Amino acid sequence: MQLVLFCALALVAVAAGAAVFRVDSMARATYALALSFIAVGAELLLLDLAYLGVVTILMMVMEMAIMAVFMVMSMMNPGGLMPMSMMHNKRGAAVLSAGVFVTLAAGALLVPWPVRRGTTPEDPTRAAGEAVMGTKMLVMMTVGAVLFATIVAAVVLAAHRSRYERDGSPHSEAASRGAS
């Protein structure tokens, strides 16, 4: 059952990824890309990589939502439903895509795959984190918190006025309350 679900999700991911280049609007392309990434995240969940699966799904859904907001704000066609083509240089893209596919398929089929040694770790996410970060995991967690604080501080410092300064004067609401 798990293999059938994995294969179904793989088909959804590939079909939705291909749909990004086949649909005729940015809005539909955004939804197709989101669906493709959700299917990939669900496959990671099936592989017992809960953290990576959830992070992939959450990150990609939020990224697509932000993309849709900027698309509505910035494009000449705010609804994003005007027919358009996502393909530029179709012939070159087709040749390049076919070449990359053949190379990757040949690598997957012709390279001898290593045999697993040992057993699957009890917590694959922790094992992957330790393999990637080693002893620096605590440092990276701290750096993440510091970067977040830096982003918040930069936004606060960049704001030239607060919510109480509607007309641009420093104490407009306080001044208007005192004047009445």
Protein backbone atom coordinates (compact mmCIF):
# COMPACT_ATOMS: atom_id res chain seq x y z
CA MET A 1 0.00 0.00 0.00
CA GLN A 2 2.84 2.36 0.86
CA LEU A 3 4.53 1.68 -2.49
CA VAL A 4 1.29 2.38 -4.37
CA LEU A 5 0.82 5.66 -2.49
CA PHE A 6 4.47 6.61 -3.12
CA CYS A 7 4.08 5.94 -6.86
CA ALA A 8 0.82 7.89 -6.98
CA LEU A 9 2.45 10.86 -5.24
CA ALA A 10 5.41 10.64 -7.63
CA LEU A 11 3.03 10.80 -10.59
CA VAL A 12 1.21 13.78 -9.07
CA ALA A 13 4.52 15.57 -8.43
CA VAL A 14 5.76 15.02 -11.99
CA ALA A 15 2.40 15.83 -13.61
CA ALA A 16 1.97 19.01 -11.56
CA GLY A 17 5.58 20.01 -12.29
CA ALA A 18 4.96 19.54 -16.01
CA ALA A 19 1.69 21.47 -15.72
CA VAL A 20 3.66 24.52 -14.58
CA PHE A 21 4.90 24.82 -18.16
CA ARG A 22 1.66 23.78 -19.85
CA VAL A 23 -0.93 26.04 -18.19
CA ASP A 24 -1.61 29.46 -19.64
CA SER A 25 -1.50 31.71 -16.57
CA MET A 26 0.80 32.57 -13.69
CA ALA A 27 -1.92 31.83 -11.14
CA ARG A 28 -2.44 28.30 -12.45
CA ALA A 29 1.33 27.77 -12.68
CA THR A 30 1.66 28.83 -9.03
CA TYR A 31 -0.99 26.34 -7.92
CA ALA A 32 0.55 23.56 -10.02
CA LEU A 33 3.99 24.20 -8.53
CA ALA A 34 2.53 24.21 -5.01
CA LEU A 35 0.80 20.88 -5.69
CA SER A 36 4.05 19.39 -7.00
CA PHE A 37 5.95 20.41 -3.86
CA ILE A 38 3.17 19.17 -1.57
CA ALA A 39 3.36 15.76 -3.28
CA VAL A 40 7.14 15.68 -2.77
CA GLY A 41 6.69 16.63 0.90
CA ALA A 42 4.13 13.84 1.31
CA GLU A 43 6.65 11.40 -0.20
CA LEU A 44 9.19 12.51 2.38
CA LEU A 45 6.59 11.80 5.08
CA LEU A 46 6.15 8.30 3.62
CA LEU A 47 9.91 7.78 3.92
CA ASP A 48 9.64 8.51 7.67
CA LEU A 49 11.39 11.85 7.24
CA ALA A 50 8.71 13.72 9.16
CA TYR A 51 10.65 16.93 9.78
CA LEU A 52 11.82 17.29 6.18
CA GLY A 53 8.36 16.46 4.84
CA VAL A 54 6.54 18.94 7.05
CA VAL A 55 9.13 21.66 6.46
CA THR A 56 8.97 21.11 2.69
CA ILE A 57 5.18 21.31 2.65
CA LEU A 58 4.99 24.37 4.93
CA MET A 59 7.84 26.21 3.25
CA MET A 60 6.57 25.63 -0.28
CA VAL A 61 2.96 26.48 0.52
CA MET A 62 4.07 29.74 2.14
CA GLU A 63 6.45 30.47 -0.74
CA MET A 64 3.70 29.95 -3.30
CA ALA A 65 1.32 32.13 -1.25
CA ILE A 66 3.90 34.92 -1.16
CA MET A 67 4.52 34.48 -4.88
CA ALA A 68 0.80 34.79 -5.56
CA VAL A 69 0.59 37.97 -3.45
CA PHE A 70 3.50 39.57 -5.31
CA MET A 71 2.06 38.42 -8.61
CA VAL A 72 -1.23 40.13 -7.85
CA MET A 73 0.58 43.26 -6.61
CA SER A 74 3.14 43.62 -9.38
CA MET A 75 1.83 42.13 -12.61
CA MET A 76 -0.03 44.08 -15.24
CA ASN A 77 -2.68 41.35 -15.14
CA PRO A 78 -3.51 41.31 -11.41
CA GLY A 79 -5.71 38.23 -11.54
CA GLY A 80 -2.93 36.30 -13.23
CA LEU A 81 -5.44 34.55 -15.46
CA MET A 82 -4.62 36.14 -18.82
CA PRO A 83 -3.32 33.49 -21.23
CA MET A 84 0.45 33.45 -21.54
CA SER A 85 3.30 31.09 -22.26
CA MET A 86 5.81 29.99 -19.62
CA MET A 87 8.13 28.72 -22.32
CA HIS A 88 10.92 30.80 -23.82
CA ASN A 89 13.29 29.25 -26.37
CA LYS A 90 11.20 26.08 -26.62
CA ARG A 91 13.58 24.21 -28.91
CA GLY A 92 16.66 24.90 -26.77
CA ALA A 93 14.78 24.02 -23.58
CA ALA A 94 13.58 20.73 -25.09
CA VAL A 95 17.10 19.74 -26.19
CA LEU A 96 18.60 20.66 -22.84
CA SER A 97 15.84 18.87 -20.90
CA ALA A 98 16.22 15.70 -22.97
CA GLY A 99 19.97 15.75 -22.46
CA VAL A 100 19.67 16.18 -18.70
CA PHE A 101 17.06 13.42 -18.51
CA VAL A 102 19.21 10.95 -20.48
CA THR A 103 22.26 11.77 -18.36
CA LEU A 104 20.40 11.35 -15.06
CA ALA A 105 18.65 8.17 -16.22
CA ALA A 106 21.96 6.69 -17.39
CA GLY A 107 23.53 7.56 -14.05
CA ALA A 108 20.66 5.98 -12.12
CA LEU A 109 20.71 2.80 -14.19
CA LEU A 110 24.43 2.30 -14.87
CA VAL A 111 26.12 3.35 -11.63
CA PRO A 112 26.51 0.51 -9.13
CA TRP A 113 24.47 1.41 -6.05
CA PRO A 114 26.07 0.87 -2.64
CA VAL A 115 24.72 -1.82 -0.35
CA ARG A 116 23.33 -0.61 2.97
CA ARG A 117 25.57 -1.29 5.93
CA GLY A 118 24.05 -1.32 9.37
CA THR A 119 20.45 -0.61 10.22
CA THR A 120 18.18 2.37 9.76
CA PRO A 121 18.66 4.86 12.61
CA GLU A 122 15.87 5.20 15.16
CA ASP A 123 15.46 8.90 14.34
CA PRO A 124 16.48 9.51 10.71
CA THR A 125 16.00 13.28 10.98
CA ARG A 126 18.39 13.56 13.91
CA ALA A 127 20.89 11.29 12.16
CA ALA A 128 20.72 13.44 9.00
CA GLY A 129 21.18 16.61 11.08
CA GLU A 130 24.18 15.18 12.90
CA ALA A 131 25.68 13.92 9.64
CA VAL A 132 25.34 17.34 8.02
CA MET A 133 26.13 19.57 10.98
CA GLY A 134 28.22 17.35 13.24
CA THR A 135 29.12 19.09 16.45
CA LYS A 136 28.01 22.47 15.10
CA MET A 137 24.25 21.83 15.51
CA LEU A 138 23.93 23.97 18.67
CA VAL A 139 25.88 26.77 16.97
CA MET A 140 23.56 26.70 13.94
CA MET A 141 20.44 26.71 16.14
CA THR A 142 21.81 29.77 17.93
CA VAL A 143 22.72 31.44 14.64
CA GLY A 144 19.13 30.84 13.44
CA ALA A 145 17.72 32.67 16.46
CA VAL A 146 20.22 35.51 16.05
CA LEU A 147 19.37 35.87 12.35
CA PHE A 148 15.66 36.00 13.17
CA ALA A 149 16.28 38.71 15.79
CA THR A 150 18.39 40.62 13.25
CA ILE A 151 15.61 40.51 10.66
CA VAL A 152 13.05 41.78 13.19
CA ALA A 153 15.41 44.55 14.33
CA ALA A 154 16.12 45.57 10.73
CA VAL A 155 12.41 45.84 9.95
CA VAL A 156 11.78 47.88 13.10
CA LEU A 157 14.68 50.24 12.34
CA ALA A 158 13.70 50.56 8.68
CA ALA A 159 10.15 51.67 9.51
CA HIS A 160 10.24 55.46 9.33
CA ARG A 161 7.00 55.85 11.24
CA SER A 162 4.85 53.91 13.64
CA ARG A 163 1.18 53.03 13.41
CA TYR A 164 0.33 56.16 15.41
CA GLU A 165 1.96 58.50 12.92
CA ARG A 166 -0.68 58.41 10.18
CA ASP A 167 -0.10 61.84 8.62
CA GLY A 168 3.67 61.80 9.01
CA SER A 169 4.00 64.03 12.07
CA PRO A 170 5.68 62.36 15.06
CA HIS A 171 2.80 62.51 17.50
CA SER A 172 -0.21 63.22 15.30
CA GLU A 173 -2.76 61.20 17.26
CA ALA A 174 -1.46 62.37 20.63
CA ALA A 175 -1.46 65.97 19.38
CA SER A 176 -4.96 65.68 17.97
CA ARG A 177 -6.24 64.22 21.26
CA GLY A 178 -4.60 67.03 23.24
CA ALA A 179 -5.98 69.73 20.91
CA SER A 180 -9.59 68.61 21.29
